[in-house]
């Protein structure tokens, strides 16, 4: 029983460390993405895929965005399960590295 509790405690500590690490990384990324722009030509195509265990349903998102320098960045995001057609999206990006971007709901404050 003591070994079981030790293993359970260890698993809990490792899980908590992973969660904290991921949350801190995402918060740091969000703070880097200070510029925002529209997702232009946004198209969500319904798709199904096999994830190795079962069929999944979602969308392929195709759009482009233009950075402050006027460069156009075409994007395709495949197998997206979180897309909501009733939500308007925008792009937040890092002005020093246009490859560092993320699609957010329009009410998200970039850089926060």
N, C-alpha and C. Protein backbone atom coordinates (compact mmCIF):
# COMPACT_ATOMS: atom_id res chain seq x y z
N UNK A 1 0.82 -1.20 0.00
CA UNK A 1 0.00 0.00 0.00
C UNK A 1 0.87 1.26 0.00
N UNK A 2 1.97 1.20 0.74
CA UNK A 2 2.86 2.36 0.81
C UNK A 2 3.48 2.64 -0.56
N UNK A 3 3.87 1.58 -1.27
CA UNK A 3 4.43 1.74 -2.61
C UNK A 3 3.40 2.34 -3.57
N UNK A 4 2.16 1.90 -3.44
CA UNK A 4 1.09 2.41 -4.28
C UNK A 4 0.92 3.91 -4.05
N UNK A 5 0.91 4.36 -2.81
CA UNK A 5 0.76 5.78 -2.50
C UNK A 5 1.97 6.58 -2.98
N UNK A 6 3.15 6.00 -2.87
CA UNK A 6 4.35 6.67 -3.35
C UNK A 6 4.28 6.87 -4.87
N UNK A 7 3.91 5.82 -5.59
CA UNK A 7 3.78 5.91 -7.05
C UNK A 7 2.69 6.91 -7.42
N UNK A 8 1.57 6.86 -6.74
CA UNK A 8 0.47 7.79 -7.00
C UNK A 8 0.91 9.24 -6.76
N UNK A 9 1.63 9.47 -5.69
CA UNK A 9 2.15 10.81 -5.40
C UNK A 9 3.13 11.28 -6.46
N UNK A 10 4.01 10.39 -6.89
CA UNK A 10 4.99 10.71 -7.92
C UNK A 10 4.30 11.06 -9.25
N UNK A 11 3.30 10.28 -9.61
CA UNK A 11 2.53 10.56 -10.83
C UNK A 11 1.84 11.92 -10.72
N UNK A 12 1.30 12.23 -9.56
CA UNK A 12 0.66 13.53 -9.35
C UNK A 12 1.63 14.68 -9.49
N UNK A 13 2.82 14.54 -8.93
CA UNK A 13 3.84 15.59 -9.02
C UNK A 13 4.29 15.78 -10.47
N UNK A 14 4.51 14.70 -11.17
CA UNK A 14 4.93 14.78 -12.57
C UNK A 14 3.84 15.42 -13.42
N UNK A 15 2.60 15.03 -13.20
CA UNK A 15 1.48 15.61 -13.94
C UNK A 15 1.37 17.11 -13.67
N UNK A 16 1.47 17.51 -12.43
CA UNK A 16 1.41 18.93 -12.07
C UNK A 16 2.55 19.70 -12.73
N UNK A 17 3.74 19.14 -12.75
CA UNK A 17 4.89 19.80 -13.37
C UNK A 17 4.67 19.99 -14.86
N UNK A 18 4.13 18.98 -15.52
CA UNK A 18 3.85 19.08 -16.95
C UNK A 18 2.81 20.16 -17.23
N UNK A 19 1.75 20.19 -16.45
CA UNK A 19 0.69 21.19 -16.62
C UNK A 19 1.26 22.60 -16.43
N UNK A 20 2.05 22.79 -15.39
CA UNK A 20 2.64 24.11 -15.13
C UNK A 20 3.58 24.51 -16.27
N UNK A 21 4.40 23.58 -16.74
CA UNK A 21 5.33 23.85 -17.82
C UNK A 21 4.59 24.27 -19.09
N UNK A 22 3.54 23.55 -19.45
CA UNK A 22 2.76 23.86 -20.65
C UNK A 22 2.06 25.21 -20.51
N UNK A 23 1.46 25.46 -19.35
CA UNK A 23 0.76 26.73 -19.15
C UNK A 23 1.71 27.92 -19.19
N UNK A 24 2.88 27.79 -18.60
CA UNK A 24 3.86 28.88 -18.62
C UNK A 24 4.38 29.11 -20.04
N UNK A 25 4.58 28.04 -20.78
CA UNK A 25 5.03 28.17 -22.17
C UNK A 25 3.99 28.86 -23.03
N UNK A 26 2.74 28.49 -22.85
CA UNK A 26 1.66 29.12 -23.62
C UNK A 26 1.49 30.58 -23.23
N UNK A 27 1.63 30.90 -21.95
CA UNK A 27 1.53 32.30 -21.50
C UNK A 27 2.67 33.12 -22.10
N UNK A 28 3.88 32.58 -22.13
CA UNK A 28 5.02 33.29 -22.72
C UNK A 28 4.81 33.50 -24.21
N UNK A 29 4.29 32.50 -24.88
CA UNK A 29 4.02 32.62 -26.31
C UNK A 29 2.98 33.70 -26.56
N UNK A 30 1.92 33.69 -25.78
CA UNK A 30 0.86 34.67 -25.96
C UNK A 30 1.40 36.10 -25.78
N UNK A 31 2.33 36.30 -24.85
CA UNK A 31 2.91 37.63 -24.63
C UNK A 31 3.79 38.07 -25.79
N UNK A 32 4.41 37.12 -26.50
CA UNK A 32 5.25 37.46 -27.67
C UNK A 32 4.41 37.89 -28.86
N UNK A 33 3.17 37.38 -28.94
CA UNK A 33 2.32 37.63 -30.10
C UNK A 33 1.57 38.94 -29.91
N UNK A 34 2.27 40.06 -30.11
CA UNK A 34 1.73 41.37 -29.77
C UNK A 34 0.97 42.04 -30.90
N UNK A 35 1.22 41.64 -32.14
CA UNK A 35 0.53 42.24 -33.28
C UNK A 35 -0.67 41.40 -33.67
N UNK A 36 -1.67 42.06 -34.24
CA UNK A 36 -2.86 41.33 -34.68
C UNK A 36 -3.25 41.75 -36.07
N UNK A 37 -3.93 40.84 -36.76
CA UNK A 37 -4.43 41.11 -38.10
C UNK A 37 -5.59 40.16 -38.39
N UNK A 38 -6.31 40.47 -39.44
CA UNK A 38 -7.45 39.64 -39.83
C UNK A 38 -6.99 38.36 -40.51
N UNK A 39 -7.78 37.33 -40.36
CA UNK A 39 -7.61 36.12 -41.15
C UNK A 39 -8.44 36.33 -42.42
N UNK A 40 -7.78 36.50 -43.55
CA UNK A 40 -8.43 36.85 -44.81
C UNK A 40 -8.75 35.60 -45.60
N UNK A 41 -9.93 35.58 -46.23
CA UNK A 41 -10.32 34.44 -47.07
C UNK A 41 -10.51 33.17 -46.26
N UNK A 42 -11.01 33.30 -45.07
CA UNK A 42 -11.15 32.18 -44.13
C UNK A 42 -12.16 31.16 -44.65
N UNK A 43 -11.71 29.93 -44.85
CA UNK A 43 -12.57 28.84 -45.30
C UNK A 43 -12.37 27.65 -44.37
N UNK A 44 -13.47 27.11 -43.86
CA UNK A 44 -13.42 25.92 -43.00
C UNK A 44 -14.09 24.77 -43.74
N UNK A 45 -13.30 23.78 -44.10
CA UNK A 45 -13.80 22.63 -44.84
C UNK A 45 -13.95 21.45 -43.89
N UNK A 46 -15.18 20.89 -43.76
CA UNK A 46 -15.36 19.73 -42.89
C UNK A 46 -14.54 18.53 -43.38
N UNK A 47 -13.91 17.83 -42.45
CA UNK A 47 -13.11 16.65 -42.78
C UNK A 47 -13.29 15.59 -41.70
N UNK A 48 -12.99 14.36 -42.06
CA UNK A 48 -12.92 13.25 -41.12
C UNK A 48 -11.54 12.64 -41.23
N UNK A 49 -11.02 12.14 -40.11
CA UNK A 49 -9.72 11.47 -40.13
C UNK A 49 -9.68 10.40 -39.06
N UNK A 50 -8.75 9.50 -39.23
CA UNK A 50 -8.53 8.40 -38.29
C UNK A 50 -7.38 8.79 -37.38
N UNK A 51 -7.59 8.82 -36.07
CA UNK A 51 -6.53 9.24 -35.14
C UNK A 51 -5.74 8.07 -34.58
N UNK A 52 -5.96 6.89 -35.13
CA UNK A 52 -5.26 5.70 -34.65
C UNK A 52 -6.14 4.84 -33.76
N UNK A 53 -7.21 5.43 -33.23
CA UNK A 53 -8.14 4.68 -32.38
C UNK A 53 -9.57 4.75 -32.88
N UNK A 54 -9.95 5.92 -33.42
CA UNK A 54 -11.32 6.09 -33.91
C UNK A 54 -11.39 7.22 -34.91
N UNK A 55 -12.51 7.29 -35.63
CA UNK A 55 -12.72 8.38 -36.57
C UNK A 55 -12.98 9.67 -35.82
N UNK A 56 -12.38 10.74 -36.31
CA UNK A 56 -12.57 12.07 -35.74
C UNK A 56 -13.20 12.97 -36.80
N UNK A 57 -13.95 13.95 -36.34
CA UNK A 57 -14.53 14.94 -37.25
C UNK A 57 -14.00 16.31 -36.88
N UNK A 58 -13.78 17.13 -37.87
CA UNK A 58 -13.30 18.48 -37.62
C UNK A 58 -13.26 19.26 -38.91
N UNK A 59 -12.27 20.13 -39.02
CA UNK A 59 -12.17 21.00 -40.18
C UNK A 59 -10.72 21.18 -40.61
N UNK A 60 -10.55 21.51 -41.86
CA UNK A 60 -9.30 22.06 -42.38
C UNK A 60 -9.55 23.54 -42.56
N UNK A 61 -8.74 24.37 -41.93
CA UNK A 61 -8.90 25.82 -42.01
C UNK A 61 -7.87 26.37 -42.99
N UNK A 62 -8.35 27.13 -43.96
CA UNK A 62 -7.49 27.75 -44.95
C UNK A 62 -7.74 29.25 -44.92
N UNK A 63 -6.68 30.02 -44.82
CA UNK A 63 -6.80 31.48 -44.78
C UNK A 63 -5.42 32.08 -45.04
N UNK A 64 -5.37 33.38 -45.08
CA UNK A 64 -4.11 34.09 -45.19
C UNK A 64 -4.16 35.28 -44.24
N UNK A 65 -2.99 35.80 -43.93
CA UNK A 65 -2.93 37.02 -43.13
C UNK A 65 -1.76 37.86 -43.62
N UNK A 66 -1.88 39.16 -43.41
CA UNK A 66 -0.88 40.10 -43.89
C UNK A 66 -0.23 40.76 -42.68
N UNK A 67 1.11 40.72 -42.62
CA UNK A 67 1.79 41.33 -41.48
C UNK A 67 1.98 42.84 -41.71
N UNK A 68 2.54 43.54 -40.75
CA UNK A 68 2.69 44.98 -40.80
C UNK A 68 3.62 45.43 -41.94
N UNK A 69 4.46 44.55 -42.43
CA UNK A 69 5.37 44.87 -43.54
C UNK A 69 4.71 44.63 -44.90
N UNK A 70 3.49 44.11 -44.88
CA UNK A 70 2.77 43.84 -46.13
C UNK A 70 3.00 42.46 -46.70
N UNK A 71 3.73 41.61 -46.00
CA UNK A 71 3.96 40.24 -46.47
C UNK A 71 2.72 39.39 -46.22
N UNK A 72 2.35 38.62 -47.21
CA UNK A 72 1.18 37.74 -47.12
C UNK A 72 1.63 36.36 -46.67
N UNK A 73 0.91 35.80 -45.70
CA UNK A 73 1.24 34.50 -45.13
C UNK A 73 0.05 33.56 -45.31
N UNK A 74 0.05 32.72 -46.36
CA UNK A 74 -1.03 31.73 -46.52
C UNK A 74 -0.87 30.61 -45.50
N UNK A 75 -1.99 30.15 -44.95
CA UNK A 75 -1.96 29.12 -43.91
C UNK A 75 -3.00 28.03 -44.20
N UNK A 76 -2.66 26.82 -43.84
CA UNK A 76 -3.60 25.70 -43.85
C UNK A 76 -3.41 24.95 -42.54
N UNK A 77 -4.48 24.84 -41.79
CA UNK A 77 -4.45 24.09 -40.52
C UNK A 77 -5.34 22.86 -40.71
N UNK A 78 -4.74 21.67 -40.61
CA UNK A 78 -5.47 20.43 -40.86
C UNK A 78 -5.92 19.76 -39.57
N UNK A 79 -7.01 19.02 -39.66
CA UNK A 79 -7.53 18.20 -38.56
C UNK A 79 -7.75 19.02 -37.29
N UNK A 80 -8.49 20.10 -37.43
CA UNK A 80 -8.80 20.99 -36.32
C UNK A 80 -10.15 20.59 -35.74
N UNK A 81 -10.16 20.21 -34.48
CA UNK A 81 -11.40 19.76 -33.85
C UNK A 81 -12.06 20.86 -33.02
N UNK A 82 -11.38 21.98 -32.77
CA UNK A 82 -11.89 23.02 -31.89
C UNK A 82 -12.60 24.15 -32.62
N UNK A 83 -12.63 24.13 -33.94
CA UNK A 83 -13.22 25.22 -34.72
C UNK A 83 -14.71 25.35 -34.43
N UNK A 84 -15.16 26.60 -34.27
CA UNK A 84 -16.57 26.91 -34.04
C UNK A 84 -17.00 27.91 -35.10
N UNK A 85 -17.95 27.52 -35.94
CA UNK A 85 -18.35 28.39 -37.06
C UNK A 85 -19.02 29.68 -36.61
N UNK A 86 -19.49 29.75 -35.38
CA UNK A 86 -20.13 30.97 -34.90
C UNK A 86 -19.12 31.98 -34.34
N UNK A 87 -17.84 31.61 -34.31
CA UNK A 87 -16.79 32.47 -33.78
C UNK A 87 -16.01 33.11 -34.92
N UNK A 88 -15.69 34.38 -34.76
CA UNK A 88 -14.82 35.09 -35.69
C UNK A 88 -13.40 34.99 -35.16
N UNK A 89 -12.44 34.72 -36.04
CA UNK A 89 -11.05 34.52 -35.64
C UNK A 89 -10.14 35.60 -36.18
N UNK A 90 -9.02 35.81 -35.50
CA UNK A 90 -7.97 36.72 -35.96
C UNK A 90 -6.62 36.06 -35.69
N UNK A 91 -5.58 36.64 -36.26
CA UNK A 91 -4.22 36.13 -36.08
C UNK A 91 -3.46 37.08 -35.18
N UNK A 92 -2.82 36.53 -34.16
CA UNK A 92 -1.86 37.27 -33.35
C UNK A 92 -0.49 36.74 -33.74
N UNK A 93 0.47 37.67 -33.94
CA UNK A 93 1.79 37.22 -34.37
C UNK A 93 2.89 38.05 -33.74
N UNK A 94 4.08 37.49 -33.78
CA UNK A 94 5.28 38.12 -33.26
C UNK A 94 5.85 39.01 -34.36
N UNK A 95 5.95 40.34 -34.15
CA UNK A 95 6.43 41.21 -35.22
C UNK A 95 7.90 40.95 -35.61
N UNK A 96 8.69 40.34 -34.73
CA UNK A 96 10.07 40.01 -35.06
C UNK A 96 10.22 38.67 -35.78
N UNK A 97 9.17 37.84 -35.74
CA UNK A 97 9.24 36.51 -36.36
C UNK A 97 7.83 36.12 -36.81
N UNK A 98 7.54 36.39 -38.07
CA UNK A 98 6.19 36.13 -38.59
C UNK A 98 5.82 34.64 -38.58
N UNK A 99 6.79 33.76 -38.42
CA UNK A 99 6.49 32.33 -38.32
C UNK A 99 5.91 31.98 -36.96
N UNK A 100 5.99 32.90 -36.01
CA UNK A 100 5.47 32.72 -34.65
C UNK A 100 4.10 33.39 -34.58
N UNK A 101 3.05 32.62 -34.83
CA UNK A 101 1.69 33.14 -34.89
C UNK A 101 0.71 32.13 -34.31
N UNK A 102 -0.51 32.60 -34.05
CA UNK A 102 -1.56 31.70 -33.57
C UNK A 102 -2.91 32.30 -33.92
N UNK A 103 -3.86 31.45 -34.21
CA UNK A 103 -5.22 31.85 -34.50
C UNK A 103 -6.01 31.91 -33.20
N UNK A 104 -6.64 33.05 -32.94
CA UNK A 104 -7.40 33.26 -31.71
C UNK A 104 -8.81 33.75 -32.05
N UNK A 105 -9.76 33.58 -31.13
CA UNK A 105 -11.07 34.24 -31.31
C UNK A 105 -10.86 35.75 -31.35
N UNK A 106 -11.73 36.46 -32.08
CA UNK A 106 -11.56 37.90 -32.29
C UNK A 106 -11.55 38.71 -31.00
N UNK A 107 -12.13 38.21 -29.92
CA UNK A 107 -12.17 38.99 -28.69
C UNK A 107 -10.90 38.82 -27.85
N UNK A 108 -9.96 37.98 -28.27
CA UNK A 108 -8.69 37.80 -27.56
C UNK A 108 -7.84 39.05 -27.71
N UNK A 109 -7.18 39.47 -26.65
CA UNK A 109 -6.27 40.61 -26.69
C UNK A 109 -4.86 40.09 -26.97
N UNK A 110 -4.32 40.43 -28.13
CA UNK A 110 -2.98 39.99 -28.49
C UNK A 110 -1.95 40.59 -27.53
N UNK A 111 -0.98 39.77 -27.14
CA UNK A 111 0.06 40.21 -26.25
C UNK A 111 -0.28 40.06 -24.78
N UNK A 112 -1.40 39.43 -24.50
CA UNK A 112 -1.80 39.26 -23.10
C UNK A 112 -1.56 37.86 -22.61
